[in-house]
Structure formats: structure tokens, C-alpha cells
All heavy atoms as atom14 arrays in JSON, in Angstrom:
{
  "sequence": "LSCAASVSSFSSYTMGWYRQAPGKQRELVAAITSEGTTNYADSTKG",
  "atom14_mask": [
    [1, 1, 1, 1, 1, 1, 1, 1, 0, 0, 0, 0, 0, 0],
    [1, 1, 1, 1, 1, 1, 0, 0, 0, 0, 0, 0, 0, 0],
    [1, 1, 1, 1, 1, 1, 0, 0, 0, 0, 0, 0, 0, 0],
    [1, 1, 1, 1, 1, 0, 0, 0, 0, 0, 0, 0, 0, 0],
    [1, 1, 1, 1, 1, 0, 0, 0, 0, 0, 0, 0, 0, 0],
    [1, 1, 1, 1, 1, 1, 0, 0, 0, 0, 0, 0, 0, 0],
    [1, 1, 1, 1, 1, 1, 1, 0, 0, 0, 0, 0, 0, 0],
    [1, 1, 1, 1, 1, 1, 0, 0, 0, 0, 0, 0, 0, 0],
    [1, 1, 1, 1, 1, 1, 0, 0, 0, 0, 0, 0, 0, 0],
    [1, 1, 1, 1, 1, 1, 1, 1, 1, 1, 1, 0, 0, 0],
    [1, 1, 1, 1, 1, 1, 0, 0, 0, 0, 0, 0, 0, 0],
    [1, 1, 1, 1, 1, 1, 0, 0, 0, 0, 0, 0, 0, 0],
    [1, 1, 1, 1, 1, 1, 1, 1, 1, 1, 1, 1, 0, 0],
    [1, 1, 1, 1, 1, 1, 1, 0, 0, 0, 0, 0, 0, 0],
    [1, 1, 1, 1, 1, 1, 1, 1, 0, 0, 0, 0, 0, 0],
    [1, 1, 1, 1, 0, 0, 0, 0, 0, 0, 0, 0, 0, 0],
    [1, 1, 1, 1, 1, 1, 1, 1, 1, 1, 1, 1, 1, 1],
    [1, 1, 1, 1, 1, 1, 1, 1, 1, 1, 1, 1, 0, 0],
    [1, 1, 1, 1, 1, 1, 1, 1, 1, 1, 1, 0, 0, 0],
    [1, 1, 1, 1, 1, 1, 1, 1, 1, 0, 0, 0, 0, 0],
    [1, 1, 1, 1, 1, 0, 0, 0, 0, 0, 0, 0, 0, 0],
    [1, 1, 1, 1, 1, 1, 1, 0, 0, 0, 0, 0, 0, 0],
    [1, 1, 1, 1, 0, 0, 0, 0, 0, 0, 0, 0, 0, 0],
    [1, 1, 1, 1, 1, 1, 1, 1, 1, 0, 0, 0, 0, 0],
    [1, 1, 1, 1, 1, 1, 1, 1, 1, 0, 0, 0, 0, 0],
    [1, 1, 1, 1, 1, 1, 1, 1, 1, 1, 1, 0, 0, 0],
    [1, 1, 1, 1, 1, 1, 1, 1, 1, 0, 0, 0, 0, 0],
    [1, 1, 1, 1, 1, 1, 1, 1, 0, 0, 0, 0, 0, 0],
    [1, 1, 1, 1, 1, 1, 1, 0, 0, 0, 0, 0, 0, 0],
    [1, 1, 1, 1, 1, 0, 0, 0, 0, 0, 0, 0, 0, 0],
    [1, 1, 1, 1, 1, 0, 0, 0, 0, 0, 0, 0, 0, 0],
    [1, 1, 1, 1, 1, 1, 1, 1, 0, 0, 0, 0, 0, 0],
    [1, 1, 1, 1, 1, 1, 1, 0, 0, 0, 0, 0, 0, 0],
    [1, 1, 1, 1, 1, 1, 0, 0, 0, 0, 0, 0, 0, 0],
    [1, 1, 1, 1, 1, 1, 1, 1, 1, 0, 0, 0, 0, 0],
    [1, 1, 1, 1, 0, 0, 0, 0, 0, 0, 0, 0, 0, 0],
    [1, 1, 1, 1, 1, 1, 1, 0, 0, 0, 0, 0, 0, 0],
    [1, 1, 1, 1, 1, 1, 1, 0, 0, 0, 0, 0, 0, 0],
    [1, 1, 1, 1, 1, 1, 1, 1, 0, 0, 0, 0, 0, 0],
    [1, 1, 1, 1, 1, 1, 1, 1, 1, 1, 1, 1, 0, 0],
    [1, 1, 1, 1, 1, 0, 0, 0, 0, 0, 0, 0, 0, 0],
    [1, 1, 1, 1, 1, 1, 1, 1, 0, 0, 0, 0, 0, 0],
    [1, 1, 1, 1, 1, 1, 0, 0, 0, 0, 0, 0, 0, 0],
    [1, 1, 1, 1, 1, 1, 1, 0, 0, 0, 0, 0, 0, 0],
    [1, 1, 1, 1, 1, 1, 1, 1, 1, 0, 0, 0, 0, 0],
    [1, 1, 1, 1, 0, 0, 0, 0, 0, 0, 0, 0, 0, 0]
  ],
  "atom14_positions": [
    [[109.15, 86.86, 112.37], [108.3, 85.74, 112.8], [108.44, 84.6, 111.8], [108.6, 84.82, 110.6], [106.84, 86.17, 112.87], [106.51, 87.36, 113.77], [105.0, 87.61, 113.78], [107.04, 87.18, 115.16], [0.0, 0.0, 0.0], [0.0, 0.0, 0.0], [0.0, 0.0, 0.0], [0.0, 0.0, 0.0], [0.0, 0.0, 0.0], [0.0, 0.0, 0.0]],
    [[108.34, 83.39, 112.33], [108.37, 82.2, 111.48], [107.18, 81.31, 111.82], [106.7, 81.3, 112.95], [109.67, 81.43, 111.69], [110.78, 82.17, 111.29], [0.0, 0.0, 0.0], [0.0, 0.0, 0.0], [0.0, 0.0, 0.0], [0.0, 0.0, 0.0], [0.0, 0.0, 0.0], [0.0, 0.0, 0.0], [0.0, 0.0, 0.0], [0.0, 0.0, 0.0]],
    [[106.74, 80.57, 110.83], [105.66, 79.6, 111.0], [106.08, 78.31, 110.31], [106.36, 78.33, 109.1], [104.36, 80.14, 110.41], [103.0, 78.94, 110.39], [0.0, 0.0, 0.0], [0.0, 0.0, 0.0], [0.0, 0.0, 0.0], [0.0, 0.0, 0.0], [0.0, 0.0, 0.0], [0.0, 0.0, 0.0], [0.0, 0.0, 0.0], [0.0, 0.0, 0.0]],
    [[106.13, 77.25, 111.09], [106.44, 75.93, 110.53], [105.13, 75.17, 110.35], [104.35, 75.04, 111.29], [107.37, 75.18, 111.47], [0.0, 0.0, 0.0], [0.0, 0.0, 0.0], [0.0, 0.0, 0.0], [0.0, 0.0, 0.0], [0.0, 0.0, 0.0], [0.0, 0.0, 0.0], [0.0, 0.0, 0.0], [0.0, 0.0, 0.0], [0.0, 0.0, 0.0]],
    [[104.91, 74.69, 109.15], [103.65, 74.03, 108.83], [103.85, 72.53, 108.62], [104.7, 72.13, 107.81], [103.04, 74.64, 107.57], [0.0, 0.0, 0.0], [0.0, 0.0, 0.0], [0.0, 0.0, 0.0], [0.0, 0.0, 0.0], [0.0, 0.0, 0.0], [0.0, 0.0, 0.0], [0.0, 0.0, 0.0], [0.0, 0.0, 0.0], [0.0, 0.0, 0.0]],
    [[103.08, 71.76, 109.36], [103.06, 70.31, 109.16], [101.84, 70.0, 108.33], [100.74, 69.8, 108.86], [103.0, 69.58, 110.51], [104.14, 69.88, 111.28], [0.0, 0.0, 0.0], [0.0, 0.0, 0.0], [0.0, 0.0, 0.0], [0.0, 0.0, 0.0], [0.0, 0.0, 0.0], [0.0, 0.0, 0.0], [0.0, 0.0, 0.0], [0.0, 0.0, 0.0]],
    [[102.01, 70.02, 107.03], [100.89, 69.85, 106.12], [101.41, 69.37, 104.78], [102.47, 69.78, 104.34], [100.12, 71.18, 105.95], [101.03, 72.28, 105.4], [98.89, 71.01, 105.07], [0.0, 0.0, 0.0], [0.0, 0.0, 0.0], [0.0, 0.0, 0.0], [0.0, 0.0, 0.0], [0.0, 0.0, 0.0], [0.0, 0.0, 0.0], [0.0, 0.0, 0.0]],
    [[100.66, 68.48, 104.18], [101.03, 68.07, 102.83], [100.51, 69.11, 101.85], [99.59, 69.85, 102.15], [100.43, 66.7, 102.51], [99.02, 66.73, 102.63], [0.0, 0.0, 0.0], [0.0, 0.0, 0.0], [0.0, 0.0, 0.0], [0.0, 0.0, 0.0], [0.0, 0.0, 0.0], [0.0, 0.0, 0.0], [0.0, 0.0, 0.0], [0.0, 0.0, 0.0]],
    [[101.11, 69.18, 100.7], [100.72, 70.16, 99.68], [100.78, 71.59, 100.18], [99.91, 72.41, 99.87], [99.31, 69.86, 99.16], [99.21, 68.55, 98.65], [0.0, 0.0, 0.0], [0.0, 0.0, 0.0], [0.0, 0.0, 0.0], [0.0, 0.0, 0.0], [0.0, 0.0, 0.0], [0.0, 0.0, 0.0], [0.0, 0.0, 0.0], [0.0, 0.0, 0.0]],
    [[101.8, 71.89, 100.97], [101.96, 73.24, 101.53], [101.91, 74.29, 100.43], [101.32, 75.36, 100.62], [103.29, 73.34, 102.27], [103.64, 74.71, 102.76], [103.09, 75.21, 103.93], [104.52, 75.52, 102.05], [103.41, 76.49, 104.4], [104.85, 76.8, 102.51], [104.29, 77.28, 103.69], [0.0, 0.0, 0.0], [0.0, 0.0, 0.0], [0.0, 0.0, 0.0]],
    [[102.5, 74.0, 99.3], [102.59, 74.99, 98.23], [101.22, 75.37, 97.67], [101.09, 76.39, 97.0], [103.49, 74.48, 97.11], [102.97, 73.3, 96.55], [0.0, 0.0, 0.0], [0.0, 0.0, 0.0], [0.0, 0.0, 0.0], [0.0, 0.0, 0.0], [0.0, 0.0, 0.0], [0.0, 0.0, 0.0], [0.0, 0.0, 0.0], [0.0, 0.0, 0.0]],
    [[100.2, 74.58, 97.94], [98.86, 74.85, 97.44], [98.09, 75.83, 98.31], [97.05, 76.36, 97.88], [98.06, 73.56, 97.31], [98.66, 72.67, 96.4], [0.0, 0.0, 0.0], [0.0, 0.0, 0.0], [0.0, 0.0, 0.0], [0.0, 0.0, 0.0], [0.0, 0.0, 0.0], [0.0, 0.0, 0.0], [0.0, 0.0, 0.0], [0.0, 0.0, 0.0]],
    [[98.58, 76.07, 99.51], [97.86, 76.9, 100.46], [98.17, 78.38, 100.27], [99.32, 78.74, 99.99], [98.22, 76.54, 101.9], [97.59, 75.26, 102.4], [98.09, 74.02, 102.03], [96.47, 75.3, 103.24], [97.51, 72.84, 102.48], [95.89, 74.13, 103.7], [96.41, 72.91, 103.32], [95.83, 71.75, 103.78], [0.0, 0.0, 0.0], [0.0, 0.0, 0.0]],
    [[97.17, 79.22, 100.43], [97.41, 80.63, 100.67], [97.76, 80.76, 102.14], [97.04, 80.27, 103.02], [96.17, 81.48, 100.36], [95.96, 81.49, 98.94], [96.35, 82.91, 100.84], [0.0, 0.0, 0.0], [0.0, 0.0, 0.0], [0.0, 0.0, 0.0], [0.0, 0.0, 0.0], [0.0, 0.0, 0.0], [0.0, 0.0, 0.0], [0.0, 0.0, 0.0]],
    [[98.89, 81.4, 102.42], [99.38, 81.55, 103.79], [99.28, 83.02, 104.21], [99.44, 83.92, 103.39], [100.82, 81.08, 103.89], [101.05, 79.64, 103.5], [100.19, 78.48, 104.58], [100.96, 78.84, 106.17], [0.0, 0.0, 0.0], [0.0, 0.0, 0.0], [0.0, 0.0, 0.0], [0.0, 0.0, 0.0], [0.0, 0.0, 0.0], [0.0, 0.0, 0.0]],
    [[99.03, 83.21, 105.48], [98.89, 84.59, 105.94], [99.28, 84.76, 107.39], [99.4, 83.79, 108.14], [0.0, 0.0, 0.0], [0.0, 0.0, 0.0], [0.0, 0.0, 0.0], [0.0, 0.0, 0.0], [0.0, 0.0, 0.0], [0.0, 0.0, 0.0], [0.0, 0.0, 0.0], [0.0, 0.0, 0.0], [0.0, 0.0, 0.0], [0.0, 0.0, 0.0]],
    [[99.5, 86.0, 107.74], [99.71, 86.42, 109.12], [98.56, 87.34, 109.51], [98.24, 88.28, 108.77], [101.04, 87.16, 109.27], [102.24, 86.28, 109.17], [103.03, 86.11, 108.07], [102.79, 85.45, 110.19], [104.03, 85.21, 108.35], [103.92, 84.81, 109.66], [102.46, 85.21, 111.53], [104.72, 83.92, 110.39], [103.24, 84.32, 112.26], [104.34, 83.69, 111.7]],
    [[98.0, 87.07, 110.66], [96.96, 87.92, 111.24], [97.42, 88.33, 112.63], [98.29, 87.69, 113.23], [95.64, 87.14, 111.35], [94.95, 86.88, 110.04], [95.47, 85.95, 109.13], [93.79, 87.56, 109.69], [94.85, 85.71, 107.92], [93.15, 87.32, 108.48], [93.68, 86.39, 107.6], [93.05, 86.16, 106.4], [0.0, 0.0, 0.0], [0.0, 0.0, 0.0]],
    [[96.83, 89.39, 113.14], [97.15, 89.8, 114.5], [95.88, 90.24, 115.21], [94.91, 90.67, 114.59], [98.18, 90.93, 114.53], [97.69, 92.25, 113.98], [98.82, 93.25, 113.91], [98.38, 94.52, 113.33], [99.21, 95.46, 112.88], [100.53, 95.27, 112.95], [98.73, 96.58, 112.38], [0.0, 0.0, 0.0], [0.0, 0.0, 0.0], [0.0, 0.0, 0.0]],
    [[95.95, 90.12, 116.53], [94.82, 90.54, 117.34], [95.35, 91.31, 118.54], [96.12, 90.77, 119.36], [94.01, 89.34, 117.81], [92.73, 89.71, 118.52], [91.77, 88.54, 118.64], [92.15, 87.38, 118.51], [90.5, 88.84, 118.89], [0.0, 0.0, 0.0], [0.0, 0.0, 0.0], [0.0, 0.0, 0.0], [0.0, 0.0, 0.0], [0.0, 0.0, 0.0]],
    [[94.97, 92.57, 118.62], [95.33, 93.42, 119.75], [94.25, 93.28, 120.83], [93.11, 92.93, 120.53], [95.46, 94.87, 119.31], [0.0, 0.0, 0.0], [0.0, 0.0, 0.0], [0.0, 0.0, 0.0], [0.0, 0.0, 0.0], [0.0, 0.0, 0.0], [0.0, 0.0, 0.0], [0.0, 0.0, 0.0], [0.0, 0.0, 0.0], [0.0, 0.0, 0.0]],
    [[94.6, 93.57, 122.08], [93.6, 93.46, 123.15], [92.36, 94.29, 122.87], [92.46, 95.47, 122.52], [94.37, 94.01, 124.37], [95.79, 93.75, 124.05], [95.92, 93.94, 122.57], [0.0, 0.0, 0.0], [0.0, 0.0, 0.0], [0.0, 0.0, 0.0], [0.0, 0.0, 0.0], [0.0, 0.0, 0.0], [0.0, 0.0, 0.0], [0.0, 0.0, 0.0]],
    [[91.21, 93.66, 122.98], [89.95, 94.36, 122.77], [89.58, 94.62, 121.32], [88.59, 95.3, 121.05], [0.0, 0.0, 0.0], [0.0, 0.0, 0.0], [0.0, 0.0, 0.0], [0.0, 0.0, 0.0], [0.0, 0.0, 0.0], [0.0, 0.0, 0.0], [0.0, 0.0, 0.0], [0.0, 0.0, 0.0], [0.0, 0.0, 0.0], [0.0, 0.0, 0.0]],
    [[90.38, 94.09, 120.4], [90.12, 94.32, 118.98], [89.93, 93.0, 118.24], [90.31, 91.94, 118.73], [91.26, 95.12, 118.35], [91.4, 96.53, 118.89], [92.41, 97.32, 118.08], [92.5, 98.75, 118.55], [93.49, 99.55, 117.75], [0.0, 0.0, 0.0], [0.0, 0.0, 0.0], [0.0, 0.0, 0.0], [0.0, 0.0, 0.0], [0.0, 0.0, 0.0]],
    [[89.35, 93.09, 117.06], [89.16, 91.9, 116.24], [90.47, 91.5, 115.57], [91.37, 92.33, 115.35], [88.09, 92.18, 115.18], [86.69, 92.3, 115.73], [85.64, 92.36, 114.63], [85.92, 92.83, 113.54], [84.45, 91.88, 114.91], [0.0, 0.0, 0.0], [0.0, 0.0, 0.0], [0.0, 0.0, 0.0], [0.0, 0.0, 0.0], [0.0, 0.0, 0.0]],
    [[90.55, 90.24, 115.25], [91.7, 89.75, 114.51], [91.7, 90.37, 113.11], [90.64, 90.45, 112.46], [91.66, 88.23, 114.41], [92.92, 87.59, 113.92], [92.84, 86.07, 114.02], [92.69, 85.62, 115.4], [92.74, 84.32, 115.74], [92.94, 83.39, 114.84], [92.58, 83.98, 117.01], [0.0, 0.0, 0.0], [0.0, 0.0, 0.0], [0.0, 0.0, 0.0]],
    [[92.87, 90.81, 112.65], [92.96, 91.48, 111.35], [94.1, 90.9, 110.52], [95.1, 90.42, 111.06], [93.17, 92.99, 111.54], [94.47, 93.35, 112.23], [94.69, 94.86, 112.32], [93.87, 95.63, 111.81], [95.72, 95.26, 112.9], [0.0, 0.0, 0.0], [0.0, 0.0, 0.0], [0.0, 0.0, 0.0], [0.0, 0.0, 0.0], [0.0, 0.0, 0.0]],
    [[93.93, 91.01, 109.22], [94.97, 90.55, 108.31], [96.17, 91.5, 108.37], [96.02, 92.71, 108.33], [94.44, 90.51, 106.88], [95.46, 90.19, 105.79], [95.91, 88.73, 105.89], [94.89, 90.49, 104.42], [0.0, 0.0, 0.0], [0.0, 0.0, 0.0], [0.0, 0.0, 0.0], [0.0, 0.0, 0.0], [0.0, 0.0, 0.0], [0.0, 0.0, 0.0]],
    [[97.35, 90.91, 108.46], [98.59, 91.67, 108.39], [99.18, 91.56, 106.98], [99.52, 92.57, 106.36], [99.61, 91.15, 109.43], [100.96, 91.83, 109.24], [99.08, 91.35, 110.85], [0.0, 0.0, 0.0], [0.0, 0.0, 0.0], [0.0, 0.0, 0.0], [0.0, 0.0, 0.0], [0.0, 0.0, 0.0], [0.0, 0.0, 0.0], [0.0, 0.0, 0.0]],
    [[99.32, 90.34, 106.51], [99.87, 90.08, 105.18], [99.52, 88.67, 104.76], [99.33, 87.8, 105.61], [101.39, 90.27, 105.17], [0.0, 0.0, 0.0], [0.0, 0.0, 0.0], [0.0, 0.0, 0.0], [0.0, 0.0, 0.0], [0.0, 0.0, 0.0], [0.0, 0.0, 0.0], [0.0, 0.0, 0.0], [0.0, 0.0, 0.0], [0.0, 0.0, 0.0]],
    [[99.45, 88.45, 103.46], [99.15, 87.13, 102.93], [99.95, 86.89, 101.66], [100.36, 87.85, 100.99], [97.65, 86.98, 102.65], [0.0, 0.0, 0.0], [0.0, 0.0, 0.0], [0.0, 0.0, 0.0], [0.0, 0.0, 0.0], [0.0, 0.0, 0.0], [0.0, 0.0, 0.0], [0.0, 0.0, 0.0], [0.0, 0.0, 0.0], [0.0, 0.0, 0.0]],
    [[100.16, 85.62, 101.36], [100.88, 85.24, 100.14], [100.2, 84.01, 99.54], [99.95, 83.03, 100.24], [102.38, 84.99, 100.44], [103.14, 84.7, 99.14], [102.59, 83.93, 101.5], [104.66, 84.77, 99.32], [0.0, 0.0, 0.0], [0.0, 0.0, 0.0], [0.0, 0.0, 0.0], [0.0, 0.0, 0.0], [0.0, 0.0, 0.0], [0.0, 0.0, 0.0]],
    [[99.88, 84.1, 98.27], [99.18, 83.0, 97.61], [100.15, 81.9, 97.21], [101.37, 82.03, 97.34], [98.45, 83.5, 96.36], [99.44, 83.86, 95.38], [97.57, 84.69, 96.67], [0.0, 0.0, 0.0], [0.0, 0.0, 0.0], [0.0, 0.0, 0.0], [0.0, 0.0, 0.0], [0.0, 0.0, 0.0], [0.0, 0.0, 0.0], [0.0, 0.0, 0.0]],
    [[99.58, 80.83, 96.7], [100.41, 79.72, 96.24], [101.3, 80.14, 95.07], [102.35, 79.55, 94.85], [99.52, 78.55, 95.83], [98.59, 78.94, 94.83], [0.0, 0.0, 0.0], [0.0, 0.0, 0.0], [0.0, 0.0, 0.0], [0.0, 0.0, 0.0], [0.0, 0.0, 0.0], [0.0, 0.0, 0.0], [0.0, 0.0, 0.0], [0.0, 0.0, 0.0]],
    [[100.87, 81.16, 94.33], [101.67, 81.65, 93.2], [102.69, 82.7, 93.62], [103.48, 83.15, 92.8], [100.74, 82.26, 92.12], [99.84, 81.26, 91.44], [98.57, 81.01, 92.21], [98.31, 81.74, 93.18], [97.83, 80.08, 91.86], [0.0, 0.0, 0.0], [0.0, 0.0, 0.0], [0.0, 0.0, 0.0], [0.0, 0.0, 0.0], [0.0, 0.0, 0.0]],
    [[102.63, 83.08, 94.9], [103.59, 84.07, 95.39], [103.11, 85.5, 95.38], [103.88, 86.42, 95.7], [0.0, 0.0, 0.0], [0.0, 0.0, 0.0], [0.0, 0.0, 0.0], [0.0, 0.0, 0.0], [0.0, 0.0, 0.0], [0.0, 0.0, 0.0], [0.0, 0.0, 0.0], [0.0, 0.0, 0.0], [0.0, 0.0, 0.0], [0.0, 0.0, 0.0]],
    [[101.85, 85.71, 95.04], [101.29, 87.06, 95.09], [101.07, 87.47, 96.54], [100.52, 86.7, 97.33], [99.94, 87.12, 94.34], [100.17, 86.73, 92.97], [99.38, 88.52, 94.37], [0.0, 0.0, 0.0], [0.0, 0.0, 0.0], [0.0, 0.0, 0.0], [0.0, 0.0, 0.0], [0.0, 0.0, 0.0], [0.0, 0.0, 0.0], [0.0, 0.0, 0.0]],
    [[101.51, 88.67, 96.87], [101.42, 89.15, 98.25], [100.36, 90.24, 98.39], [100.04, 90.96, 97.44], [102.76, 89.68, 98.74], [103.2, 90.73, 97.86], [103.81, 88.58, 98.76], [0.0, 0.0, 0.0], [0.0, 0.0, 0.0], [0.0, 0.0, 0.0], [0.0, 0.0, 0.0], [0.0, 0.0, 0.0], [0.0, 0.0, 0.0], [0.0, 0.0, 0.0]],
    [[99.86, 90.34, 99.61], [98.86, 91.34, 99.95], [99.13, 91.81, 101.37], [99.38, 91.0, 102.26], [97.45, 90.72, 99.86], [96.36, 91.72, 100.21], [96.42, 92.87, 99.82], [95.37, 91.27, 100.96], [0.0, 0.0, 0.0], [0.0, 0.0, 0.0], [0.0, 0.0, 0.0], [0.0, 0.0, 0.0], [0.0, 0.0, 0.0], [0.0, 0.0, 0.0]],
    [[99.11, 93.14, 101.56], [99.43, 93.7, 102.86], [98.31, 94.62, 103.35], [97.66, 95.3, 102.55], [100.73, 94.5, 102.81], [101.96, 93.67, 102.52], [102.39, 93.48, 101.21], [102.68, 93.09, 103.56], [103.51, 92.71, 100.94], [103.81, 92.34, 103.3], [104.22, 92.14, 101.99], [105.34, 91.38, 101.73], [0.0, 0.0, 0.0], [0.0, 0.0, 0.0]],
    [[98.15, 94.66, 104.66], [97.29, 95.68, 105.23], [97.94, 97.04, 104.98], [99.17, 97.15, 104.94], [97.13, 95.44, 106.73], [0.0, 0.0, 0.0], [0.0, 0.0, 0.0], [0.0, 0.0, 0.0], [0.0, 0.0, 0.0], [0.0, 0.0, 0.0], [0.0, 0.0, 0.0], [0.0, 0.0, 0.0], [0.0, 0.0, 0.0], [0.0, 0.0, 0.0]],
    [[97.13, 98.07, 104.82], [97.67, 99.41, 104.56], [98.65, 99.82, 105.67], [99.64, 100.49, 105.4], [96.54, 100.42, 104.47], [95.74, 100.28, 103.18], [96.24, 99.64, 102.23], [94.63, 100.81, 103.12], [0.0, 0.0, 0.0], [0.0, 0.0, 0.0], [0.0, 0.0, 0.0], [0.0, 0.0, 0.0], [0.0, 0.0, 0.0], [0.0, 0.0, 0.0]],
    [[98.37, 99.41, 106.88], [99.19, 99.83, 108.02], [100.57, 99.17, 108.04], [101.45, 99.61, 108.78], [98.46, 99.53, 109.33], [98.23, 98.14, 109.45], [0.0, 0.0, 0.0], [0.0, 0.0, 0.0], [0.0, 0.0, 0.0], [0.0, 0.0, 0.0], [0.0, 0.0, 0.0], [0.0, 0.0, 0.0], [0.0, 0.0, 0.0], [0.0, 0.0, 0.0]],
    [[100.75, 98.12, 107.24], [102.03, 97.4, 107.26], [102.81, 97.51, 105.95], [103.96, 97.08, 105.88], [101.82, 95.91, 107.58], [101.05, 95.31, 106.53], [101.1, 95.73, 108.91], [0.0, 0.0, 0.0], [0.0, 0.0, 0.0], [0.0, 0.0, 0.0], [0.0, 0.0, 0.0], [0.0, 0.0, 0.0], [0.0, 0.0, 0.0], [0.0, 0.0, 0.0]],
    [[102.2, 98.08, 104.94], [102.9, 98.23, 103.66], [104.17, 99.03, 103.81], [104.19, 100.07, 104.46], [101.98, 98.9, 102.64], [100.89, 98.01, 102.09], [100.01, 98.77, 101.1], [98.89, 97.9, 100.59], [97.96, 98.63, 99.7], [0.0, 0.0, 0.0], [0.0, 0.0, 0.0], [0.0, 0.0, 0.0], [0.0, 0.0, 0.0], [0.0, 0.0, 0.0]],
    [[105.25, 98.52, 103.2], [106.52, 99.22, 103.24], [107.35, 98.93, 104.48], [108.53, 99.29, 104.54], [0.0, 0.0, 0.0], [0.0, 0.0, 0.0], [0.0, 0.0, 0.0], [0.0, 0.0, 0.0], [0.0, 0.0, 0.0], [0.0, 0.0, 0.0], [0.0, 0.0, 0.0], [0.0, 0.0, 0.0], [0.0, 0.0, 0.0], [0.0, 0.0, 0.0]]
  ]
}
């Protein structure tokens, strides 16, 4: 998946991917901070 962002100061944003399955709440899949630190849902690690 790709996301193109039209935003100034993109590097300052924490960016993330979320997903929503039918009948379920939106959940975090993965995120990456402005410093490059990553965070993953347990179900997607590895």
C-alpha cells in the first residue's frame, strides 16, 4: 500500500496505517514517527 500526502512539513507528522473490518472498530496496523520509530499491532508484527 502507498499513501501520497499533500502536506507541508510532512516529516513532522507521525504517519500510520489503520484498518477497519466489517462490523469492527478501526484499529492501528502500524505507525512511524517523525524520527522513524515504528510501532506495530501484535497481529502484524513480523
